[in-house]
Amino acid sequence: MTKTAVFKDDLFLEHMAGFSHIESAGRLLTLYDALATEEIGGHLVYPGFSGASHEVLCLNHSKKYVARVAQTAGKDQVNLDPDTQTSPRSYDAACLAAGAVVDCTRMVLAGDIDNGFCLVRPPGHHAEKDRAMGFCLFNNIAVAARYALHELNLERILIVDWDLHHGNGTQHAFYDTDKVLYFSTHLFPFFPGSGAAYEVGTGAGEGCTVNIPLTGGQGDYAFATIFNEFLCPIAREYKPELIMLSAGFDTHRRDPFGGMSVTAKGFSYMTKVLLDLAQELCQGRLVAALEGGYDLIGLREGTLAVLSEMAGHSQLHDKDVLELTTVSVPVPGLEEVRSIVNRYWKI
């Protein structure tokens, strides 16, 4: 039986990102309620975990920036960025969010769990080395990847980011190294403005950033086409020792940002692809961290689809799997992306 862990804590509810902010505690309350009431919640484990230390955070962030965020502790509201505010317990919540992904990574690599999903906030993939951005304080998945490289002796990590918005902070964190391959699908041009197909990395990292900029409106079959035709062959050639997922659900068809048309079926299928690749390439090791997703029904549907797949209780029908695996659909701009990616990978 698959041992799938969920990392959750009420401290994440105490980060208040500003009055009526779209990135609210209600997002996690919806998910925590789903785990308490849906059948899949009983098939999961819920480990304890601790916050990331100053030293661990500084594997990815500058000491000056970590100290800046720490100074917000206990203060009513501090604006770190036009979209990013803190409340008295935001620093503690942000440390715990990064720590959740670090501990999940450590437990997956130790074999204590098969895979894990960190239902945390604040989210992370926009946070840069020395600045907050786009609702994010610390880059949770980048901190954990750095920890795996520096403390757990990994050499190759694949980070997949299917959030509606490009993960600028994660891309920049690993832009000049081949130890992390960053693969992102995102609406473009759109906030934060990065993620063009020609952004491929530099130096030793050239080719290890793969951006799939999308025009909007893409749904289950478009994302399946991208995963089948791009992600799978690249991952097999790269041979990661760990796969990490920045799981944003603002690509759901209900999301107020309104850029994509993915349904629970699409999220299930993309997760299945990642699980199959992890099983084939890296002993099933998959670590997921929550990023965006602002329609509560869409967020709940997407998260439950991912968790059901991870725990071996798939919502997919055989017919859906067959169609999503075999049907290739036209995706605007994809041939241009293919010509760029073909310089580095056999796709």
Protein backbone atom coordinates (compact mmCIF):
# COMPACT_ATOMS: atom_id res chain seq x y z
CA MET A 1 0.00 0.00 0.00
CA THR A 2 1.28 3.46 -0.90
CA LYS A 3 2.23 5.60 2.09
CA THR A 4 1.26 9.15 1.14
CA ALA A 5 1.84 11.90 3.67
CA VAL A 6 0.09 15.25 4.01
CA PHE A 7 1.90 18.04 5.81
CA LYS A 8 -0.60 20.42 7.41
CA ASP A 9 -0.67 22.67 10.46
CA ASP A 10 -3.02 25.30 11.87
CA LEU A 11 -0.13 27.79 12.05
CA PHE A 12 -0.47 28.20 8.29
CA LEU A 13 -3.91 29.69 8.94
CA GLU A 14 -2.39 32.52 10.98
CA HIS A 15 -0.59 34.13 8.06
CA MET A 16 -2.91 37.00 7.15
CA ALA A 17 -1.89 38.46 3.80
CA GLY A 18 -3.98 41.63 4.08
CA PHE A 19 -7.66 42.53 4.32
CA SER A 20 -9.76 40.45 1.90
CA HIS A 21 -6.59 39.15 0.21
CA ILE A 22 -7.22 36.44 -2.37
CA GLU A 23 -4.44 34.31 -0.84
CA SER A 24 -6.35 33.72 2.39
CA ALA A 25 -6.52 31.15 5.16
CA GLY A 26 -9.81 30.00 3.64
CA ARG A 27 -7.84 28.20 0.97
CA LEU A 28 -6.36 25.79 3.49
CA LEU A 29 -9.51 25.59 5.60
CA THR A 30 -11.26 24.25 2.50
CA LEU A 31 -8.57 21.61 2.02
CA TYR A 32 -8.36 20.65 5.68
CA ASP A 33 -12.14 20.23 5.75
CA ALA A 34 -11.95 18.02 2.66
CA LEU A 35 -9.38 15.76 4.31
CA ALA A 36 -11.66 15.41 7.35
CA THR A 37 -14.76 14.56 5.33
CA GLU A 38 -13.66 12.88 2.10
CA GLU A 39 -12.78 9.17 2.07
CA ILE A 40 -9.26 9.79 0.76
CA GLY A 41 -8.35 11.57 4.01
CA GLY A 42 -8.42 8.25 5.85
CA HIS A 43 -5.84 6.73 3.50
CA LEU A 44 -3.18 9.34 4.27
CA VAL A 45 -0.64 9.84 7.04
CA TYR A 46 0.00 13.16 8.77
CA PRO A 47 3.57 13.42 10.08
CA GLY A 48 4.87 15.98 12.49
CA PHE A 49 7.44 18.44 11.16
CA SER A 50 9.36 21.53 12.19
CA GLY A 51 10.18 24.95 10.80
CA ALA A 52 13.20 25.56 8.64
CA SER A 53 16.10 27.07 10.54
CA HIS A 54 17.79 30.33 9.59
CA GLU A 55 20.70 28.30 8.21
CA VAL A 56 18.46 26.12 6.04
CA LEU A 57 16.57 29.14 4.68
CA CYS A 58 19.91 30.70 3.79
CA LEU A 59 20.72 27.78 1.52
CA ASN A 60 18.44 29.60 -0.95
CA HIS A 61 17.95 33.12 0.43
CA SER A 62 20.38 35.83 1.45
CA LYS A 63 21.05 36.32 5.16
CA LYS A 64 19.95 39.93 4.86
CA TYR A 65 16.60 38.95 3.36
CA VAL A 66 15.88 36.21 5.92
CA ALA A 67 16.64 38.72 8.67
CA ARG A 68 14.30 41.24 6.99
CA VAL A 69 11.41 38.77 7.04
CA ALA A 70 12.24 37.77 10.63
CA GLN A 71 11.91 41.43 11.66
CA THR A 72 8.23 41.35 10.68
CA ALA A 73 7.42 38.86 13.46
CA GLY A 74 4.90 40.28 15.92
CA LYS A 75 4.09 43.30 13.76
CA ASP A 76 0.54 43.94 12.60
CA GLN A 77 1.25 44.43 8.91
CA VAL A 78 4.41 44.94 6.90
CA ASN A 79 4.36 45.40 3.14
CA LEU A 80 7.28 43.53 1.60
CA ASP A 81 5.97 43.85 -1.96
CA PRO A 82 2.86 45.43 -3.52
CA ASP A 83 1.17 42.00 -3.41
CA THR A 84 2.89 40.57 -0.35
CA GLN A 85 2.15 41.52 3.25
CA THR A 86 2.89 39.94 6.60
CA SER A 87 1.00 39.70 9.89
CA PRO A 88 2.31 38.92 13.41
CA ARG A 89 2.80 35.17 12.78
CA SER A 90 3.66 35.23 9.07
CA TYR A 91 7.38 34.70 9.65
CA ASP A 92 6.70 31.63 11.81
CA ALA A 93 4.25 30.28 9.22
CA ALA A 94 6.72 30.86 6.40
CA CYS A 95 9.49 29.06 8.28
CA LEU A 96 7.13 26.15 8.93
CA ALA A 97 6.02 26.06 5.28
CA ALA A 98 9.61 25.75 4.10
CA GLY A 99 10.31 23.25 6.87
CA ALA A 100 7.36 21.12 5.79
CA VAL A 101 8.80 20.71 2.30
CA VAL A 102 12.28 20.07 3.71
CA ASP A 103 11.00 17.40 6.09
CA CYS A 104 8.81 15.86 3.41
CA THR A 105 11.86 15.62 1.14
CA ARG A 106 13.96 14.12 3.89
CA MET A 107 11.29 11.52 4.72
CA VAL A 108 10.75 10.56 1.07
CA LEU A 109 14.48 10.09 0.52
CA ALA A 110 14.78 8.07 3.74
CA GLY A 111 11.94 5.80 2.62
CA ASP A 112 9.76 6.71 5.60
CA ILE A 113 6.98 7.70 3.17
CA ASP A 114 6.49 7.01 -0.53
CA ASN A 115 5.43 10.52 -1.46
CA GLY A 116 4.05 13.61 0.17
CA PHE A 117 2.00 16.75 -0.42
CA CYS A 118 2.69 19.87 1.66
CA LEU A 119 -0.53 21.87 2.08
CA VAL A 120 1.16 25.05 3.19
CA ARG A 121 0.97 28.81 3.02
CA PRO A 122 2.39 31.27 2.34
CA PRO A 123 3.21 29.81 -1.08
CA GLY A 124 6.73 30.05 -2.43
CA HIS A 125 7.66 29.89 -6.10
CA HIS A 126 7.78 33.66 -6.71
CA ALA A 127 10.12 34.37 -3.78
CA GLU A 128 13.56 35.41 -4.99
CA LYS A 129 16.89 35.09 -3.22
CA ASP A 130 16.56 38.52 -1.66
CA ARG A 131 12.94 39.65 -2.03
CA ALA A 132 9.34 38.69 -1.42
CA MET A 133 7.03 38.60 -4.42
CA GLY A 134 3.59 37.47 -5.54
CA PHE A 135 2.23 36.40 -2.10
CA CYS A 136 5.47 34.43 -1.38
CA LEU A 137 7.92 34.97 1.49
CA PHE A 138 10.33 32.03 1.24
CA ASN A 139 10.64 29.75 -1.78
CA ASN A 140 9.54 26.53 -0.10
CA ILE A 141 10.37 24.14 -2.92
CA ALA A 142 13.69 25.80 -3.74
CA VAL A 143 14.76 25.71 -0.09
CA ALA A 144 13.96 21.98 0.05
CA ALA A 145 15.77 21.31 -3.23
CA ARG A 146 18.83 23.15 -1.93
CA TYR A 147 18.67 21.08 1.23
CA ALA A 148 18.52 17.86 -0.80
CA LEU A 149 21.54 18.93 -2.83
CA HIS A 150 23.65 20.22 0.06
CA GLU A 151 22.66 17.94 2.93
CA LEU A 152 21.32 14.76 1.30
CA ASN A 153 23.90 14.53 -1.50
CA LEU A 154 21.55 14.46 -4.47
CA GLU A 155 22.93 15.36 -7.89
CA ARG A 156 19.84 15.72 -10.07
CA ILE A 157 16.39 17.04 -9.13
CA LEU A 158 13.48 17.64 -11.48
CA ILE A 159 11.10 20.43 -10.43
CA VAL A 160 7.79 20.56 -12.34
CA ASP A 161 5.67 23.70 -11.94
CA TRP A 162 2.14 23.68 -13.39
CA ASP A 163 0.92 26.85 -11.63
CA LEU A 164 -0.79 29.42 -13.86
CA HIS A 165 2.00 31.87 -13.07
CA HIS A 166 5.65 31.30 -13.92
CA GLY A 167 7.82 30.42 -10.92
CA ASN A 168 10.40 33.14 -11.40
CA GLY A 169 12.03 32.57 -8.02
CA THR A 170 12.53 28.87 -8.62
CA GLN A 171 13.88 29.43 -12.12
CA HIS A 172 16.37 32.04 -10.94
CA ALA A 173 17.50 29.90 -8.01
CA PHE A 174 18.79 27.17 -10.33
CA TYR A 175 19.36 29.01 -13.61
CA ASP A 176 23.10 28.34 -13.73
CA THR A 177 23.22 24.72 -12.54
CA ASP A 178 22.48 21.33 -14.07
CA LYS A 179 21.73 19.85 -10.65
CA VAL A 180 18.12 21.01 -10.96
CA LEU A 181 16.00 20.82 -14.09
CA TYR A 182 13.12 23.30 -13.88
CA PHE A 183 10.11 22.54 -16.13
CA SER A 184 7.28 25.07 -16.14
CA THR A 185 3.94 25.42 -17.92
CA HIS A 186 2.36 28.86 -17.46
CA LEU A 187 0.27 31.63 -18.97
CA PHE A 188 2.48 34.06 -20.91
CA PRO A 189 2.80 36.98 -21.07
CA PHE A 190 1.34 37.33 -17.61
CA PHE A 191 2.54 38.01 -14.07
CA PRO A 192 5.44 37.88 -13.25
CA GLY A 193 6.59 38.47 -16.84
CA SER A 194 9.30 35.81 -16.94
CA GLY A 195 9.16 32.34 -18.48
CA ALA A 196 9.72 32.90 -22.19
CA ALA A 197 10.71 29.82 -24.18
CA TYR A 198 14.17 31.28 -24.85
CA GLU A 199 14.94 31.41 -21.11
CA VAL A 200 16.86 28.13 -21.00
CA GLY A 201 19.51 28.64 -18.32
CA THR A 202 23.10 29.76 -18.44
CA GLY A 203 26.54 28.22 -17.98
CA ALA A 204 26.32 24.69 -16.61
CA GLY A 205 22.55 25.15 -16.40
CA GLU A 206 21.97 25.87 -20.08
CA GLY A 207 19.13 23.63 -21.23
CA CYS A 208 18.07 22.81 -17.67
CA THR A 209 15.33 25.42 -17.65
CA VAL A 210 12.42 24.36 -19.86
CA ASN A 211 9.63 26.90 -20.20
CA ILE A 212 6.35 26.10 -21.95
CA PRO A 213 4.64 29.51 -22.27
CA LEU A 214 0.93 29.19 -23.07
CA THR A 215 -1.53 31.62 -24.60
CA GLY A 216 -4.48 30.73 -22.35
CA GLY A 217 -7.51 28.50 -22.52
CA GLN A 218 -5.54 25.25 -22.55
CA GLY A 219 -7.23 22.28 -20.86
CA ASP A 220 -6.69 18.65 -19.98
CA TYR A 221 -5.67 17.42 -23.43
CA ALA A 222 -3.24 20.28 -24.05
CA PHE A 223 -1.47 19.71 -20.74
CA ALA A 224 -1.43 15.95 -21.38
CA THR A 225 0.16 16.60 -24.78
CA ILE A 226 2.86 18.74 -23.17
CA PHE A 227 3.57 16.17 -20.47
CA ASN A 228 3.61 13.26 -22.93
CA GLU A 229 5.67 14.90 -25.66
CA PHE A 230 7.99 17.15 -23.67
CA LEU A 231 8.21 16.28 -19.98
CA CYS A 232 8.43 12.50 -20.30
CA PRO A 233 11.32 12.29 -22.78
CA ILE A 234 13.22 15.09 -21.04
CA ALA A 235 12.83 13.46 -17.64
CA ARG A 236 13.96 10.08 -18.98
CA GLU A 237 17.05 11.64 -20.49
CA TYR A 238 17.82 13.71 -17.38
CA LYS A 239 17.27 10.79 -14.95
CA PRO A 240 16.37 12.72 -11.77
CA GLU A 241 16.94 11.26 -8.32
CA LEU A 242 13.89 13.13 -7.02
CA ILE A 243 10.85 14.77 -8.60
CA MET A 244 9.33 17.84 -6.96
CA LEU A 245 6.05 19.51 -7.90
CA SER A 246 4.95 23.11 -7.46
CA ALA A 247 1.24 22.36 -7.51
CA GLY A 248 -0.78 25.45 -8.36
CA PHE A 249 -4.48 25.04 -9.04
CA ASP A 250 -5.09 28.43 -10.62
CA THR A 251 -5.06 26.58 -13.95
CA HIS A 252 -8.43 25.10 -12.95
CA ARG A 253 -11.26 26.17 -15.26
CA ARG A 254 -13.10 27.90 -12.37
CA ASP A 255 -10.19 30.00 -11.13
CA PRO A 256 -10.77 33.78 -11.00
CA PHE A 257 -7.50 34.46 -12.82
CA GLY A 258 -9.26 32.75 -15.70
CA GLY A 259 -6.32 31.67 -17.80
CA MET A 260 -6.73 27.92 -18.25
CA SER A 261 -9.36 25.18 -18.47
CA VAL A 262 -7.92 22.23 -16.54
CA THR A 263 -10.33 19.93 -14.68
CA ALA A 264 -9.83 17.34 -11.95
CA LYS A 265 -9.23 14.79 -14.71
CA GLY A 266 -6.29 16.81 -16.02
CA PHE A 267 -4.73 17.18 -12.57
CA SER A 268 -5.14 13.44 -11.99
CA TYR A 269 -3.47 12.63 -15.29
CA MET A 270 -0.53 15.00 -14.79
CA THR A 271 0.01 13.50 -11.35
CA LYS A 272 -0.13 9.99 -12.82
CA VAL A 273 2.57 10.96 -15.31
CA LEU A 274 4.78 12.28 -12.51
CA LEU A 275 4.21 9.18 -10.39
CA ASP A 276 4.98 6.88 -13.31
CA LEU A 277 8.18 8.80 -14.06
CA ALA A 278 9.16 8.74 -10.39
CA GLN A 279 8.58 5.00 -10.22
CA GLU A 280 10.60 4.44 -13.38
CA LEU A 281 13.47 6.83 -12.62
CA CYS A 282 13.84 7.50 -8.89
CA GLN A 283 12.24 4.86 -6.69
CA GLY A 284 8.87 6.60 -6.67
CA ARG A 285 10.17 9.73 -4.96
CA LEU A 286 7.70 12.59 -5.41
CA VAL A 287 7.35 15.69 -3.22
CA ALA A 288 4.58 18.23 -3.89
CA ALA A 289 4.04 21.68 -2.43
CA LEU A 290 0.94 23.85 -2.76
CA GLU A 291 1.33 27.08 -4.68
CA GLY A 292 -1.65 29.02 -6.13
CA GLY A 293 -5.33 28.25 -6.65
CA TYR A 294 -7.98 30.77 -5.65
CA ASP A 295 -11.36 29.31 -6.48
CA LEU A 296 -12.15 27.17 -3.45
CA ILE A 297 -14.11 24.53 -5.36
CA GLY A 298 -11.42 24.27 -8.02
CA LEU A 299 -8.69 24.16 -5.39
CA ARG A 300 -10.49 21.37 -3.53
CA GLU A 301 -11.16 19.35 -6.70
CA GLY A 302 -7.59 19.66 -7.91
CA THR A 303 -5.96 18.86 -4.59
CA LEU A 304 -8.16 15.81 -3.99
CA ALA A 305 -7.41 14.59 -7.52
CA VAL A 306 -3.67 14.84 -6.87
CA LEU A 307 -3.85 13.22 -3.45
CA SER A 308 -6.06 10.39 -4.70
CA GLU A 309 -3.57 9.63 -7.45
CA MET A 310 -0.60 9.82 -5.08
CA ALA A 311 -2.28 7.47 -2.59
CA GLY A 312 -3.19 4.89 -5.25
CA HIS A 313 -6.92 5.69 -5.35
CA SER A 314 -7.09 7.15 -8.83
CA GLN A 315 -10.20 8.99 -10.02
CA LEU A 316 -9.27 8.31 -13.66
CA HIS A 317 -11.19 5.86 -15.82
CA ASP A 318 -9.24 3.58 -18.17
CA LYS A 319 -10.84 5.34 -21.15
CA ASP A 320 -9.60 8.72 -19.89
CA VAL A 321 -6.07 7.41 -19.41
CA LEU A 322 -6.02 5.90 -22.90
CA GLU A 323 -7.27 9.10 -24.52
CA LEU A 324 -4.99 11.43 -22.58
CA THR A 325 -2.01 9.20 -23.28
CA THR A 326 -2.59 8.82 -27.01
CA VAL A 327 -4.44 11.93 -28.23
CA SER A 328 -2.14 14.80 -29.20
CA VAL A 329 -3.81 18.19 -29.66
CA PRO A 330 -2.47 21.38 -31.25
CA VAL A 331 -1.11 23.85 -28.70
CA PRO A 332 -0.35 27.40 -29.91
CA GLY A 333 3.39 28.15 -29.88
CA LEU A 334 4.41 24.60 -29.04
CA GLU A 335 6.37 24.03 -32.24
CA GLU A 336 8.52 27.08 -31.51
CA VAL A 337 9.17 25.70 -28.03
CA ARG A 338 10.01 22.32 -29.56
CA SER A 339 12.66 23.88 -31.79
CA ILE A 340 14.34 25.45 -28.76
CA VAL A 341 14.09 22.40 -26.51
CA ASN A 342 15.46 20.14 -29.27
CA ARG A 343 18.81 21.90 -28.96
CA TYR A 344 19.25 20.23 -25.57
CA TRP A 345 16.91 17.23 -25.32
CA LYS A 346 15.71 14.47 -27.65
CA ILE A 347 11.97 15.02 -27.87
